[in-house]
């Protein structure tokens, strides 16, 4: 068997060695190489991220200074901000598109698409993805859906405006409001294409991890990054089709006269002919994706954190098997908790208590991960580079955001704070900021792998981290108190409620922090772009890491390794490992890469 494998391996290498001459188009645009596709995902995701952040700054200014005239509003929003005063219609549209872009286009595609593509083949020892063609199609469908979402901003009646969850009837009746017209149709088309892209990518990741691991790479030797991407892809395959069905049924209701989500609708006293549908059915379909989606966003970030933290603490990850088990437990439990988004939808109270129980259960594997990260840091030889700081920041926001989830997951406690800023603060910390920190940690850590050994500027990275970390809490910590005071989300101004007047100063504080945080991301963009061209070259293995991607040459080649693919002899976390004499396994080196064979009397670890 091994002889055959070796022969096939050499043969594929020969093919790659004499690869046909690549044109600009086949190398940079319609590339089938996973490393290039990862960069395409990252850059598209970052561009979408900046659009999403810019939108949030616009509506934060409206919340802090309601009804004020700003020249920037008129410049950016045009007819939607006459004399520089933002209209209520465009406010809701901005909230809607901001949520959609950040959740799906940045944190799902930008995070999973980038790092699953970059790392799966490199860390499991594969020449490329199972299907390079499907991988390329997946990216271009994502690009197309991004384009349609951006185009929807320029529709005459305005972009989709029903909140990012697009509940009917606002989303199902084209005549309900300006944002229910053509903009909403484009939103649905864009999301349908996005889901197709996500499914193609996920299937590719699953097949690659199962079939293409190199010799010796058993499932228990996989780095935790790969476990996270693998399970994330499985969750995506299970839950995204449900959202696709919801989107298609909405398109049917809007354009073909069906009544899946509509019943007993009155507009200005006139009864519409829709009968028998239920908007709550839509909520079930949406949240059956919507809650697994939280973990589709979070798990890759947690996987990246595991790898970055172990490498930079110079210690084995604490509780490897518990970490894998918690990833699997989160995946299973994430599919049976969606009802906690619907406690006030008229749900049977007994069913509410069932969803409360399953929601509190999912706190257990999440806590296992949090404690294991803290124990990995304990007594480590910490290398506090920007990637490590963002990983530690992720653990912080994961805990602080997760704690408020225990309140929201309880059907009785949730009633008081449902649809207030408390909810917004909770999910921005636990999902938004945590996943963004994971994205940043991954970019700082694997930048030299993506861009031919060039390193990002460390000092700019420190500025980026500290300003972002302080401002993120500056925005979302006070927001909890605004929510507990009862301020409802998605209202474009609260001047009609005198009891909220005292909170205007808090809104101003949050907005100032948000603007500073937005400016800090410009430091990252400058660092990212300048480092691609002028970053100083680092060593082949700059972080002294154990995983296989650092055994590949800095120059990107087809097939990743110039010779045979390395064999794996140990797990990925042999940091600071000593023999019985207290000496490092490799003299003078505190790490043992996965492709180094076990020594005669050495015991393999994988606890």
Protein backbone atom coordinates (compact mmCIF):
# COMPACT_ATOMS: atom_id res chain seq x y z
CA UNK A 1 0.00 0.00 0.00
CA UNK A 2 2.71 2.48 1.01
CA UNK A 3 4.66 1.83 -2.19
CA UNK A 4 1.58 2.65 -4.25
CA UNK A 5 0.99 5.80 -2.22
CA UNK A 6 4.57 6.91 -2.69
CA UNK A 7 4.32 6.29 -6.42
CA UNK A 8 1.10 8.31 -6.74
CA UNK A 9 2.64 11.03 -4.64
CA UNK A 10 5.69 11.35 -6.89
CA UNK A 11 3.49 11.27 -9.94
CA UNK A 12 1.28 14.11 -8.76
CA UNK A 13 4.37 16.07 -7.87
CA UNK A 14 5.78 15.63 -11.36
CA UNK A 15 2.52 16.94 -12.79
CA UNK A 16 2.76 20.00 -10.60
CA UNK A 17 6.41 20.51 -11.43
CA UNK A 18 5.70 20.78 -15.15
CA UNK A 19 2.57 22.83 -14.71
CA UNK A 20 1.31 24.69 -17.77
CA UNK A 21 2.24 28.38 -17.86
CA UNK A 22 -0.30 30.37 -15.87
CA UNK A 23 -1.77 33.57 -17.19
CA UNK A 24 -2.78 36.48 -14.94
CA UNK A 25 -6.41 35.33 -15.19
CA UNK A 26 -5.79 31.69 -14.21
CA UNK A 27 -3.44 32.67 -11.38
CA UNK A 28 -5.19 35.61 -9.74
CA UNK A 29 -8.82 35.60 -10.89
CA UNK A 30 -10.18 32.15 -11.80
CA UNK A 31 -7.62 30.35 -9.66
CA UNK A 32 -8.21 26.80 -8.45
CA UNK A 33 -5.33 26.96 -5.96
CA UNK A 34 -6.64 26.94 -2.38
CA UNK A 35 -4.05 29.49 -1.22
CA UNK A 36 -5.14 32.07 -3.82
CA UNK A 37 -8.84 31.39 -3.17
CA UNK A 38 -8.20 31.99 0.55
CA UNK A 39 -6.74 35.42 -0.27
CA UNK A 40 -9.71 36.21 -2.52
CA UNK A 41 -12.11 35.36 0.32
CA UNK A 42 -10.11 37.43 2.80
CA UNK A 43 -9.87 40.56 0.67
CA UNK A 44 -13.54 40.38 -0.41
CA UNK A 45 -14.55 39.81 3.23
CA UNK A 46 -12.46 42.78 4.44
CA UNK A 47 -13.97 45.09 1.80
CA UNK A 48 -17.48 43.99 2.81
CA UNK A 49 -16.46 44.44 6.46
CA UNK A 50 -15.54 48.06 5.85
CA UNK A 51 -18.89 48.73 4.20
CA UNK A 52 -20.61 47.11 7.21
CA UNK A 53 -18.58 49.11 9.74
CA UNK A 54 -19.21 52.38 7.86
CA UNK A 55 -22.97 51.71 8.00
CA UNK A 56 -22.84 51.11 11.73
CA UNK A 57 -21.03 54.44 12.26
CA UNK A 58 -23.75 56.26 10.28
CA UNK A 59 -26.62 54.88 12.34
CA UNK A 60 -24.68 55.25 15.60
CA UNK A 61 -24.38 58.98 14.81
CA UNK A 62 -28.15 59.12 14.28
CA UNK A 63 -28.72 57.40 17.66
CA UNK A 64 -26.38 59.76 19.51
CA UNK A 65 -27.62 62.97 17.88
CA UNK A 66 -31.18 62.20 16.67
CA UNK A 67 -32.52 64.60 14.06
CA UNK A 68 -29.21 66.49 13.76
CA UNK A 69 -28.02 67.54 10.33
CA UNK A 70 -24.67 66.10 9.21
CA UNK A 71 -23.13 66.96 5.83
CA UNK A 72 -21.70 63.41 5.67
CA UNK A 73 -25.27 62.01 5.76
CA UNK A 74 -26.25 64.03 2.71
CA UNK A 75 -23.00 63.14 0.92
CA UNK A 76 -23.34 59.39 1.54
CA UNK A 77 -27.10 58.88 1.69
CA UNK A 78 -28.29 61.49 -0.84
CA UNK A 79 -32.07 61.69 -1.06
CA UNK A 80 -32.41 59.55 2.08
CA UNK A 81 -30.95 62.38 4.16
CA UNK A 82 -32.59 65.61 2.97
CA UNK A 83 -30.60 68.59 4.34
CA UNK A 84 -28.33 66.08 6.09
CA UNK A 85 -31.05 64.65 8.40
CA UNK A 86 -31.29 60.85 8.20
CA UNK A 87 -34.76 59.53 7.32
CA UNK A 88 -36.38 56.73 9.31
CA UNK A 89 -36.59 54.47 6.23
CA UNK A 90 -32.86 54.50 5.51
CA UNK A 91 -32.05 54.03 9.21
CA UNK A 92 -33.75 50.61 9.24
CA UNK A 93 -32.17 49.75 5.88
CA UNK A 94 -28.69 50.54 7.24
CA UNK A 95 -29.31 48.36 10.31
CA UNK A 96 -30.55 45.54 8.05
CA UNK A 97 -27.67 45.57 5.57
CA UNK A 98 -25.07 46.10 8.32
CA UNK A 99 -26.30 42.96 10.10
CA UNK A 100 -26.51 40.92 6.91
CA UNK A 101 -23.05 41.90 5.71
CA UNK A 102 -21.31 41.36 9.04
CA UNK A 103 -22.95 38.04 9.93
CA UNK A 104 -22.88 36.35 6.54
CA UNK A 105 -20.38 38.08 4.27
CA UNK A 106 -17.65 38.92 6.79
CA UNK A 107 -17.87 36.45 9.67
CA UNK A 108 -19.15 33.43 7.76
CA UNK A 109 -17.52 33.70 4.34
CA UNK A 110 -14.65 36.02 5.27
CA UNK A 111 -13.58 33.92 8.27
CA UNK A 112 -14.42 30.32 7.29
CA UNK A 113 -13.76 30.86 3.60
CA UNK A 114 -10.31 32.31 4.22
CA UNK A 115 -8.93 30.00 6.85
CA UNK A 116 -10.67 26.75 5.86
CA UNK A 117 -9.23 27.20 2.38
CA UNK A 118 -5.79 28.24 3.50
CA UNK A 119 -5.28 25.77 6.33
CA UNK A 120 -7.18 22.56 5.61
CA UNK A 121 -4.87 21.30 2.81
CA UNK A 122 -1.72 22.72 4.46
CA UNK A 123 -2.39 21.35 7.96
CA UNK A 124 -3.63 17.88 6.97
CA UNK A 125 -0.88 17.39 4.37
CA UNK A 126 -2.85 17.56 1.11
CA UNK A 127 -1.82 18.90 -2.30
CA UNK A 128 -5.02 20.96 -2.54
CA UNK A 129 -8.75 20.75 -1.85
CA UNK A 130 -10.70 17.70 -2.98
CA UNK A 131 -12.13 19.76 -5.85
CA UNK A 132 -10.30 22.90 -6.92
CA UNK A 133 -13.03 23.67 -9.45
CA UNK A 134 -15.85 23.56 -6.87
CA UNK A 135 -13.69 25.70 -4.62
CA UNK A 136 -13.39 28.32 -7.35
CA UNK A 137 -17.14 28.18 -8.08
CA UNK A 138 -17.83 28.60 -4.36
CA UNK A 139 -15.77 31.81 -4.21
CA UNK A 140 -17.30 33.30 -7.36
CA UNK A 141 -20.82 32.61 -6.12
CA UNK A 142 -19.86 34.42 -2.90
CA UNK A 143 -18.46 37.30 -4.98
CA UNK A 144 -21.66 37.44 -7.06
CA UNK A 145 -23.87 37.47 -3.96
CA UNK A 146 -21.72 40.26 -2.45
CA UNK A 147 -22.11 42.24 -5.67
CA UNK A 148 -25.91 41.83 -5.69
CA UNK A 149 -26.06 42.89 -2.02
CA UNK A 150 -24.05 46.06 -2.84
CA UNK A 151 -26.19 46.75 -5.94
CA UNK A 152 -29.32 46.57 -3.76
CA UNK A 153 -28.07 49.70 -1.95
CA UNK A 154 -28.65 51.74 -5.12
CA UNK A 155 -32.22 50.67 -5.88
CA UNK A 156 -34.59 53.63 -6.18
CA UNK A 157 -36.93 52.54 -3.37
CA UNK A 158 -33.96 51.77 -1.13
CA UNK A 159 -32.30 48.57 0.16
CA UNK A 160 -34.01 45.84 2.18
CA UNK A 161 -35.35 47.19 5.48
CA UNK A 162 -36.84 44.69 7.89
CA UNK A 163 -33.92 44.04 10.23
CA UNK A 164 -31.28 41.44 9.28
CA UNK A 165 -33.73 38.67 10.23
CA UNK A 166 -36.21 40.01 7.59
CA UNK A 167 -39.34 38.86 9.39
CA UNK A 168 -42.62 38.93 7.48
CA UNK A 169 -44.90 40.79 6.93
CA UNK A 170 -42.42 43.62 6.24
CA UNK A 171 -40.36 41.30 4.05
CA UNK A 172 -43.29 39.43 2.49
CA UNK A 173 -45.41 42.39 1.35
CA UNK A 174 -43.66 44.46 -1.37
CA UNK A 175 -46.05 47.35 -0.67
CA UNK A 176 -45.44 47.46 3.11
CA UNK A 177 -42.74 50.18 3.03
CA UNK A 178 -40.04 51.45 0.62
CA UNK A 179 -37.52 48.90 1.92
CA UNK A 180 -39.89 46.03 1.13
CA UNK A 181 -39.69 46.49 -2.62
CA UNK A 182 -36.94 45.73 -5.14
CA UNK A 183 -34.24 46.02 -2.44
CA UNK A 184 -35.78 43.12 -0.53
CA UNK A 185 -36.03 40.97 -3.67
CA UNK A 186 -32.33 41.54 -4.36
CA UNK A 187 -31.54 40.70 -0.73
CA UNK A 188 -33.30 37.35 -1.11
CA UNK A 189 -31.59 36.57 -4.42
CA UNK A 190 -28.21 37.51 -2.95
CA UNK A 191 -28.74 35.26 0.08
CA UNK A 192 -29.88 32.32 -2.07
CA UNK A 193 -26.65 32.56 -4.08
CA UNK A 194 -24.64 33.00 -0.88
CA UNK A 195 -26.13 29.79 0.55
CA UNK A 196 -25.20 27.89 -2.63
CA UNK A 197 -21.63 29.17 -2.26
CA UNK A 198 -21.52 28.19 1.41
CA UNK A 199 -22.81 24.67 0.73
CA UNK A 200 -20.31 24.02 -2.08
CA UNK A 201 -17.48 25.23 0.14
CA UNK A 202 -18.64 23.18 3.13
CA UNK A 203 -18.95 19.94 1.16
CA UNK A 204 -15.46 20.47 -0.21
CA UNK A 205 -14.01 21.02 3.28
CA UNK A 206 -15.72 17.91 4.68
CA UNK A 207 -14.52 15.63 1.85
CA UNK A 208 -10.99 17.04 2.02
CA UNK A 209 -10.64 16.43 5.77
CA UNK A 210 -12.06 12.92 5.55
CA UNK A 211 -10.22 11.72 2.44
CA UNK A 212 -7.00 13.65 1.91
CA UNK A 213 -5.08 13.47 5.19
CA UNK A 214 -1.44 12.52 4.81
CA UNK A 215 0.02 9.27 6.14
CA UNK A 216 -0.04 9.22 9.94
CA UNK A 217 -2.55 12.10 10.25
CA UNK A 218 -5.24 10.35 12.25
CA UNK A 219 -8.27 12.32 13.43
CA UNK A 220 -6.77 12.53 16.95
CA UNK A 221 -3.64 14.16 15.54
CA UNK A 222 -5.52 16.88 13.69
CA UNK A 223 -4.86 20.43 14.88
CA UNK A 224 -7.91 21.91 16.61
CA UNK A 225 -8.22 24.44 13.78
CA UNK A 226 -9.09 21.60 11.39
CA UNK A 227 -11.56 20.06 13.83
CA UNK A 228 -13.27 23.45 14.09
CA UNK A 229 -13.44 24.01 10.30
CA UNK A 230 -14.60 20.43 9.74
CA UNK A 231 -17.45 20.61 12.26
CA UNK A 232 -18.37 24.13 11.11
CA UNK A 233 -18.79 22.80 7.57
CA UNK A 234 -21.02 19.98 8.84
CA UNK A 235 -23.24 22.46 10.75
CA UNK A 236 -23.45 24.58 7.57
CA UNK A 237 -24.54 21.64 5.43
CA UNK A 238 -27.24 20.75 7.95
CA UNK A 239 -28.67 24.20 8.61
CA UNK A 240 -28.14 26.47 5.57
CA UNK A 241 -30.65 24.58 3.36
CA UNK A 242 -33.37 25.50 5.89
CA UNK A 243 -32.64 29.20 5.37
CA UNK A 244 -32.69 28.62 1.62
CA UNK A 245 -36.19 27.14 1.94
CA UNK A 246 -37.29 30.16 4.00
CA UNK A 247 -35.87 32.54 1.35
CA UNK A 248 -37.55 30.65 -1.50
CA UNK A 249 -40.91 30.57 0.29
CA UNK A 250 -40.59 34.33 0.92
CA UNK A 251 -39.89 34.88 -2.78
CA UNK A 252 -43.05 32.82 -3.52
CA UNK A 253 -45.12 34.93 -1.10
CA UNK A 254 -43.78 38.16 -2.56
CA UNK A 255 -43.94 37.41 -6.26
CA UNK A 256 -46.27 34.46 -6.84
CA UNK A 257 -49.24 35.13 -4.57
CA UNK A 258 -48.76 32.28 -2.08
CA UNK A 259 -49.49 32.64 1.66
CA UNK A 260 -46.82 30.68 3.52
CA UNK A 261 -46.08 33.48 5.99
CA UNK A 262 -49.13 35.78 5.57
CA UNK A 263 -52.62 35.75 7.03
CA UNK A 264 -55.31 38.32 7.88
CA UNK A 265 -53.34 41.33 6.64
CA UNK A 266 -55.01 44.75 6.65
CA UNK A 267 -53.53 47.75 4.85
CA UNK A 268 -55.35 51.06 5.54
CA UNK A 269 -58.51 49.18 6.48
CA UNK A 270 -58.49 47.05 3.33
CA UNK A 271 -58.30 43.27 3.80
CA UNK A 272 -55.72 41.54 1.60
CA UNK A 273 -56.53 38.11 0.13
CA UNK A 274 -53.70 36.30 1.99
CA UNK A 275 -55.08 33.55 4.23
CA UNK A 276 -53.70 30.71 6.35
CA UNK A 277 -49.98 31.48 6.54
CA UNK A 278 -47.96 32.07 9.69
CA UNK A 279 -45.13 34.54 10.26
CA UNK A 280 -44.05 32.36 13.19
CA UNK A 281 -43.30 29.56 10.72
CA UNK A 282 -40.78 31.89 9.10
CA UNK A 283 -39.21 32.57 12.50
CA UNK A 284 -38.76 28.83 13.05
CA UNK A 285 -37.14 28.37 9.64
CA UNK A 286 -34.91 31.40 10.04
CA UNK A 287 -33.68 30.59 13.53
CA UNK A 288 -33.12 26.94 12.73
CA UNK A 289 -30.28 28.32 10.64
CA UNK A 290 -29.83 31.44 12.77
CA UNK A 291 -28.61 29.74 15.90
CA UNK A 292 -26.27 27.19 14.29
CA UNK A 293 -25.06 30.23 12.32
CA UNK A 294 -23.74 31.72 15.58
CA UNK A 295 -21.50 28.67 15.94
CA UNK A 296 -20.63 28.61 12.22
CA UNK A 297 -19.23 32.08 12.95
CA UNK A 298 -17.68 31.26 16.33
CA UNK A 299 -16.12 27.79 15.95
CA UNK A 300 -13.51 28.76 13.32
CA UNK A 301 -12.48 31.68 15.55
CA UNK A 302 -12.19 29.32 18.54
CA UNK A 303 -10.16 26.86 16.43
CA UNK A 304 -7.77 29.62 15.37
CA UNK A 305 -7.48 30.70 19.02
CA UNK A 306 -6.56 27.15 20.09
CA UNK A 307 -3.70 27.02 17.60
CA UNK A 308 -2.42 30.57 18.17
CA UNK A 309 -2.65 30.29 21.95
CA UNK A 310 -0.85 26.97 22.23
CA UNK A 311 1.92 28.16 19.89
CA UNK A 312 2.42 31.44 21.73
CA UNK A 313 2.14 29.99 25.25
CA UNK A 314 4.82 27.41 24.24
CA UNK A 315 2.62 24.80 25.94
CA UNK A 316 0.44 21.93 24.72
CA UNK A 317 -3.21 22.90 24.45
CA UNK A 318 -4.90 21.88 27.70
CA UNK A 319 -7.43 19.07 27.28
CA UNK A 320 -7.18 18.34 23.54
CA UNK A 321 -9.82 15.59 23.64
CA UNK A 322 -12.14 17.70 25.78
CA UNK A 323 -11.76 20.50 23.22
CA UNK A 324 -12.72 18.15 20.37
CA UNK A 325 -15.63 16.78 22.41
CA UNK A 326 -16.85 20.30 23.19
CA UNK A 327 -16.73 21.25 19.49
CA UNK A 328 -18.87 18.17 18.69
CA UNK A 329 -21.23 18.87 21.61
CA UNK A 330 -21.67 22.50 20.52
CA UNK A 331 -22.44 21.32 16.97
CA UNK A 332 -25.15 18.94 18.17
CA UNK A 333 -26.69 21.26 20.76
CA UNK A 334 -26.69 24.26 18.39
CA UNK A 335 -29.42 22.56 16.34
CA UNK A 336 -31.86 22.19 19.27
CA UNK A 337 -31.82 25.66 20.84
CA UNK A 338 -33.31 27.91 18.14
CA UNK A 339 -36.53 28.54 20.08
CA UNK A 340 -34.76 30.80 22.58
CA UNK A 341 -35.00 33.56 19.95
CA UNK A 342 -38.79 33.21 20.03
CA UNK A 343 -39.79 33.20 23.70
CA UNK A 344 -42.26 36.08 23.18
CA UNK A 345 -43.78 34.79 19.94
CA UNK A 346 -46.66 33.11 21.77
CA UNK A 347 -44.77 29.87 22.27
CA UNK A 348 -46.16 27.23 24.63
CA UNK A 349 -44.49 27.94 28.02
CA UNK A 350 -43.57 24.26 28.39
CA UNK A 351 -41.75 24.38 25.06
CA UNK A 352 -40.06 27.54 26.31
CA UNK A 353 -38.75 25.63 29.33
CA UNK A 354 -37.40 22.89 27.02
CA UNK A 355 -35.49 25.45 24.95
CA UNK A 356 -34.26 27.08 28.16
CA UNK A 357 -32.87 23.72 29.28
CA UNK A 358 -31.08 23.00 25.98
CA UNK A 359 -29.74 26.56 25.85
CA UNK A 360 -28.25 26.31 29.34
CA UNK A 361 -26.78 22.93 28.37
CA UNK A 362 -24.78 24.52 25.55
CA UNK A 363 -23.09 26.72 28.14
CA UNK A 364 -21.25 23.61 29.39
CA UNK A 365 -19.07 22.86 26.32
CA UNK A 366 -18.58 26.60 25.86
CA UNK A 367 -17.30 26.85 29.45
CA UNK A 368 -15.04 23.82 28.88
CA UNK A 369 -13.40 25.72 26.03
CA UNK A 370 -13.05 28.93 28.07
CA UNK A 371 -11.47 27.14 31.05
CA UNK A 372 -9.15 25.14 28.78
CA UNK A 373 -7.90 28.35 27.16
CA UNK A 374 -7.20 29.87 30.57
CA UNK A 375 -5.41 26.70 31.72
CA UNK A 376 -3.34 26.67 28.51
CA UNK A 377 -2.15 30.20 29.37
CA UNK A 378 -1.42 29.23 32.99
CA UNK A 379 2.36 29.25 33.64
CA UNK A 380 3.03 29.44 29.90
CA UNK A 381 6.02 31.23 28.38
CA UNK A 382 3.69 33.80 26.81
CA UNK A 383 4.72 35.46 23.54
CA UNK A 384 2.39 38.46 23.51
CA UNK A 385 2.40 39.24 19.79
CA UNK A 386 -0.72 40.76 18.15
CA UNK A 387 -2.17 37.35 17.22
CA UNK A 388 -1.85 36.16 20.82
CA UNK A 389 -3.41 39.37 22.18
CA UNK A 390 -6.42 39.02 19.89
CA UNK A 391 -6.78 35.37 20.97
CA UNK A 392 -6.76 36.37 24.64
CA UNK A 393 -9.21 39.18 23.77
CA UNK A 394 -11.48 36.58 22.17
CA UNK A 395 -11.56 34.54 25.38
CA UNK A 396 -12.48 37.71 27.29
CA UNK A 397 -15.36 38.71 25.00
CA UNK A 398 -16.50 35.08 24.71
CA UNK A 399 -16.90 34.93 28.50
CA UNK A 400 -18.43 38.38 29.03
CA UNK A 401 -20.79 37.99 26.06
CA UNK A 402 -21.61 34.40 27.05
CA UNK A 403 -22.64 35.32 30.58
CA UNK A 404 -25.44 37.58 29.33
CA UNK A 405 -26.55 34.68 27.11
CA UNK A 406 -27.50 32.78 30.26
CA UNK A 407 -29.99 35.58 31.06
CA UNK A 408 -31.37 35.71 27.51
CA UNK A 409 -31.60 31.92 27.32
CA UNK A 410 -33.97 31.82 30.28
CA UNK A 411 -37.56 32.15 29.06
CA UNK A 412 -38.73 34.19 32.06
CA UNK A 413 -35.76 36.55 32.34
CA UNK A 414 -35.73 37.11 28.58
CA UNK A 415 -39.20 38.72 28.61
CA UNK A 416 -37.84 41.88 30.27
CA UNK A 417 -34.95 42.46 27.88
CA UNK A 418 -36.16 40.88 24.64
CA UNK A 419 -35.74 43.25 21.67
CA UNK A 420 -33.84 45.79 23.73
CA UNK A 421 -30.22 46.88 23.39
CA UNK A 422 -29.34 44.21 25.95
CA UNK A 423 -29.74 41.61 23.19
CA UNK A 424 -27.70 43.72 20.76
CA UNK A 425 -24.90 44.06 23.34
CA UNK A 426 -24.96 40.31 24.05
CA UNK A 427 -24.64 39.00 20.54
CA UNK A 428 -22.20 41.67 19.38
CA UNK A 429 -19.80 40.65 22.14
CA UNK A 430 -20.19 36.90 21.97
CA UNK A 431 -20.49 36.52 18.22
CA UNK A 432 -19.45 39.74 16.50
CA UNK A 433 -16.42 40.92 18.46
CA UNK A 434 -15.23 37.41 19.39
CA UNK A 435 -15.32 36.22 15.79
CA UNK A 436 -13.66 39.43 14.57
CA UNK A 437 -10.85 38.92 17.09
CA UNK A 438 -10.46 35.36 15.76
CA UNK A 439 -10.27 36.74 12.22
CA UNK A 440 -7.62 39.28 13.23
CA UNK A 441 -5.63 36.68 15.20
CA UNK A 442 -5.65 34.42 12.13
CA UNK A 443 -4.55 37.21 9.80
CA UNK A 444 -1.63 38.28 12.03
CA UNK A 445 -0.58 34.65 12.60
CA UNK A 446 -0.85 33.23 9.07
CA UNK A 447 -0.03 36.40 7.15
CA UNK A 448 3.52 35.13 6.41
CA UNK A 449 2.00 31.90 5.06
CA UNK A 450 -0.38 33.81 2.80
CA UNK A 451 2.08 36.40 1.52
CA UNK A 452 5.40 34.66 0.82
CA UNK A 453 6.95 34.98 4.25
CA UNK A 454 6.32 38.70 4.78
CA UNK A 455 5.46 39.74 8.33
CA UNK A 456 2.97 42.37 9.49
CA UNK A 457 4.26 45.30 11.54
CA UNK A 458 4.08 44.27 15.19
CA UNK A 459 3.86 47.78 16.69
CA UNK A 460 0.96 48.77 14.43
CA UNK A 461 -0.62 45.45 15.48
CA UNK A 462 -0.36 46.48 19.14
CA UNK A 463 -2.00 49.85 18.41
CA UNK A 464 -4.75 48.05 16.47
CA UNK A 465 -5.40 45.60 19.31
CA UNK A 466 -5.45 47.96 22.28
CA UNK A 467 -7.58 50.65 20.65
CA UNK A 468 -10.00 48.04 19.26
CA UNK A 469 -10.24 46.12 22.55
CA UNK A 470 -10.88 49.20 24.71
CA UNK A 471 -13.37 50.68 22.24
CA UNK A 472 -15.25 47.40 21.73
CA UNK A 473 -16.01 47.25 25.45
CA UNK A 474 -16.60 51.02 25.40
CA UNK A 475 -19.41 50.48 22.90
CA UNK A 476 -20.99 47.27 24.11
CA UNK A 477 -20.56 47.38 27.90
CA UNK A 478 -22.73 50.49 28.43
CA UNK A 479 -25.19 49.05 25.90
CA UNK A 480 -26.24 46.37 28.41
CA UNK A 481 -27.43 49.07 30.81
CA UNK A 482 -29.26 50.96 28.08
CA UNK A 483 -31.06 47.67 27.32
CA UNK A 484 -31.90 47.01 30.96
CA UNK A 485 -33.39 50.51 31.12
CA UNK A 486 -35.76 49.30 28.39
CA UNK A 487 -34.54 51.09 25.24
CA UNK A 488 -35.87 49.07 22.28
CA UNK A 489 -33.57 48.11 19.39
CA UNK A 490 -34.07 49.31 15.77
CA UNK A 491 -35.84 52.58 16.72
CA UNK A 492 -34.21 55.39 14.81
CA UNK A 493 -34.77 57.84 17.64
CA UNK A 494 -36.14 57.64 21.17
CA UNK A 495 -37.14 61.29 21.57
CA UNK A 496 -40.82 60.27 21.83
CA UNK A 497 -40.07 58.52 25.16
CA UNK A 498 -39.19 61.08 27.87
CA UNK A 499 -38.05 58.30 30.22
CA UNK A 500 -35.09 57.62 27.91
CA UNK A 501 -33.87 61.24 27.77
CA UNK A 502 -31.28 60.64 30.49
CA UNK A 503 -29.66 57.92 28.37
CA UNK A 504 -28.74 60.24 25.48
CA UNK A 505 -25.30 60.85 27.01
CA UNK A 506 -24.66 57.10 27.06
CA UNK A 507 -25.60 56.89 23.37
CA UNK A 508 -23.10 59.68 22.66
CA UNK A 509 -20.40 57.84 24.65
CA UNK A 510 -20.99 54.60 22.71
CA UNK A 511 -20.93 56.45 19.40
CA UNK A 512 -17.63 58.18 20.19
CA UNK A 513 -16.07 54.82 21.10
CA UNK A 514 -17.49 53.32 17.89
CA UNK A 515 -15.95 56.06 15.72
CA UNK A 516 -12.53 55.62 17.38
CA UNK A 517 -12.80 51.82 16.90
CA UNK A 518 -13.64 52.37 13.23
CA UNK A 519 -10.57 54.59 12.85
CA UNK A 520 -8.39 51.89 14.48
CA UNK A 521 -9.35 49.49 11.68
CA UNK A 522 -7.68 51.90 9.24
CA UNK A 523 -4.41 51.18 11.06
CA UNK A 524 -5.00 47.47 10.34
CA UNK A 525 -5.77 48.14 6.67
CA UNK A 526 -2.61 50.22 6.26
CA UNK A 527 -0.56 47.51 8.02
CA UNK A 528 -2.16 44.75 5.90
CA UNK A 529 -1.69 46.42 2.51
CA UNK A 530 1.80 47.83 3.15
CA UNK A 531 3.02 44.50 4.60
CA UNK A 532 1.94 42.62 1.45
CA UNK A 533 4.44 44.69 -0.55
CA UNK A 534 7.00 45.98 1.97
CA UNK A 535 6.69 43.73 5.05
CA UNK A 536 10.02 42.34 6.23
CA UNK A 537 10.65 38.69 5.39
CA UNK A 538 10.49 36.31 8.32
CA UNK A 539 11.85 32.81 8.81
CA UNK A 540 10.12 29.84 7.17
CA UNK A 541 8.61 28.97 10.56
CA UNK A 542 8.40 32.42 12.21
CA UNK A 543 6.34 31.39 15.26
CA UNK A 544 8.28 28.13 15.87
CA UNK A 545 5.09 26.17 15.33
CA UNK A 546 4.51 22.41 15.02
CA UNK A 547 1.87 22.17 12.31
CA UNK A 548 2.60 21.06 8.76
CA UNK A 549 1.90 24.35 6.96
CA UNK A 550 5.25 25.72 8.21
CA UNK A 551 7.14 22.87 6.48
CA UNK A 552 6.08 24.22 3.06
CA UNK A 553 8.32 26.70 1.21
CA UNK A 554 7.53 30.41 1.53
CA UNK A 555 7.03 30.75 -2.22
CA UNK A 556 3.62 29.41 -3.19
CA UNK A 557 3.85 26.40 -5.46
CA UNK A 558 1.25 24.07 -6.89
CA UNK A 559 0.84 21.05 -4.66
CA UNK A 560 2.26 22.89 -1.61
CA UNK A 561 5.32 20.65 -1.05
CA UNK A 562 8.10 20.38 -3.66
CA UNK A 563 8.92 16.75 -2.77
CA UNK A 564 6.92 14.02 -1.08
CA UNK A 565 4.27 15.12 1.42
CA UNK A 566 5.67 14.83 4.97
CA UNK A 567 4.43 11.98 7.15
CA UNK A 568 2.94 12.72 10.55
CA UNK A 569 4.22 10.97 13.68
CA UNK A 570 2.71 12.97 16.56
CA UNK A 571 -0.04 15.44 17.51
CA UNK A 572 0.30 19.15 16.82
CA UNK A 573 0.99 20.37 20.35
CA UNK A 574 4.40 19.04 21.45
CA UNK A 575 5.62 22.36 22.86
CA UNK A 576 8.24 22.46 25.64
CA UNK A 577 8.25 18.64 25.71
CA UNK A 578 11.13 17.10 27.68
CA UNK A 579 12.53 13.58 28.06
CA UNK A 580 13.11 11.85 31.42
CA UNK A 581 16.37 13.79 31.87
CA UNK A 582 14.53 17.10 31.57
CA UNK A 583 16.10 17.86 28.17
CA UNK A 584 14.10 19.06 25.17
CA UNK A 585 13.34 16.28 22.65
CA UNK A 586 15.21 18.28 20.00
CA UNK A 587 18.20 19.86 21.81
CA UNK A 588 17.93 23.63 22.08
CA UNK A 589 14.43 23.75 20.56
CA UNK A 590 11.23 23.92 22.61
CA UNK A 591 8.94 22.53 19.89
CA UNK A 592 8.71 19.27 17.95
CA UNK A 593 7.01 19.53 14.52
CA UNK A 594 4.45 16.88 13.61
CA UNK A 595 6.68 15.34 10.92
CA UNK A 596 9.51 14.46 13.36
CA UNK A 597 9.40 10.70 14.25
CA UNK A 598 9.02 9.67 17.89
CA UNK A 599 12.30 8.85 19.61
CA UNK A 600 12.97 5.37 20.97
CA UNK A 601 11.66 5.86 24.49
CA UNK A 602 9.40 8.86 23.79
CA UNK A 603 5.74 8.68 24.74
CA UNK A 604 3.16 10.20 22.40
CA UNK A 605 0.85 12.76 24.01
CA UNK A 606 -2.72 13.54 23.01
CA UNK A 607 -4.59 14.26 26.20
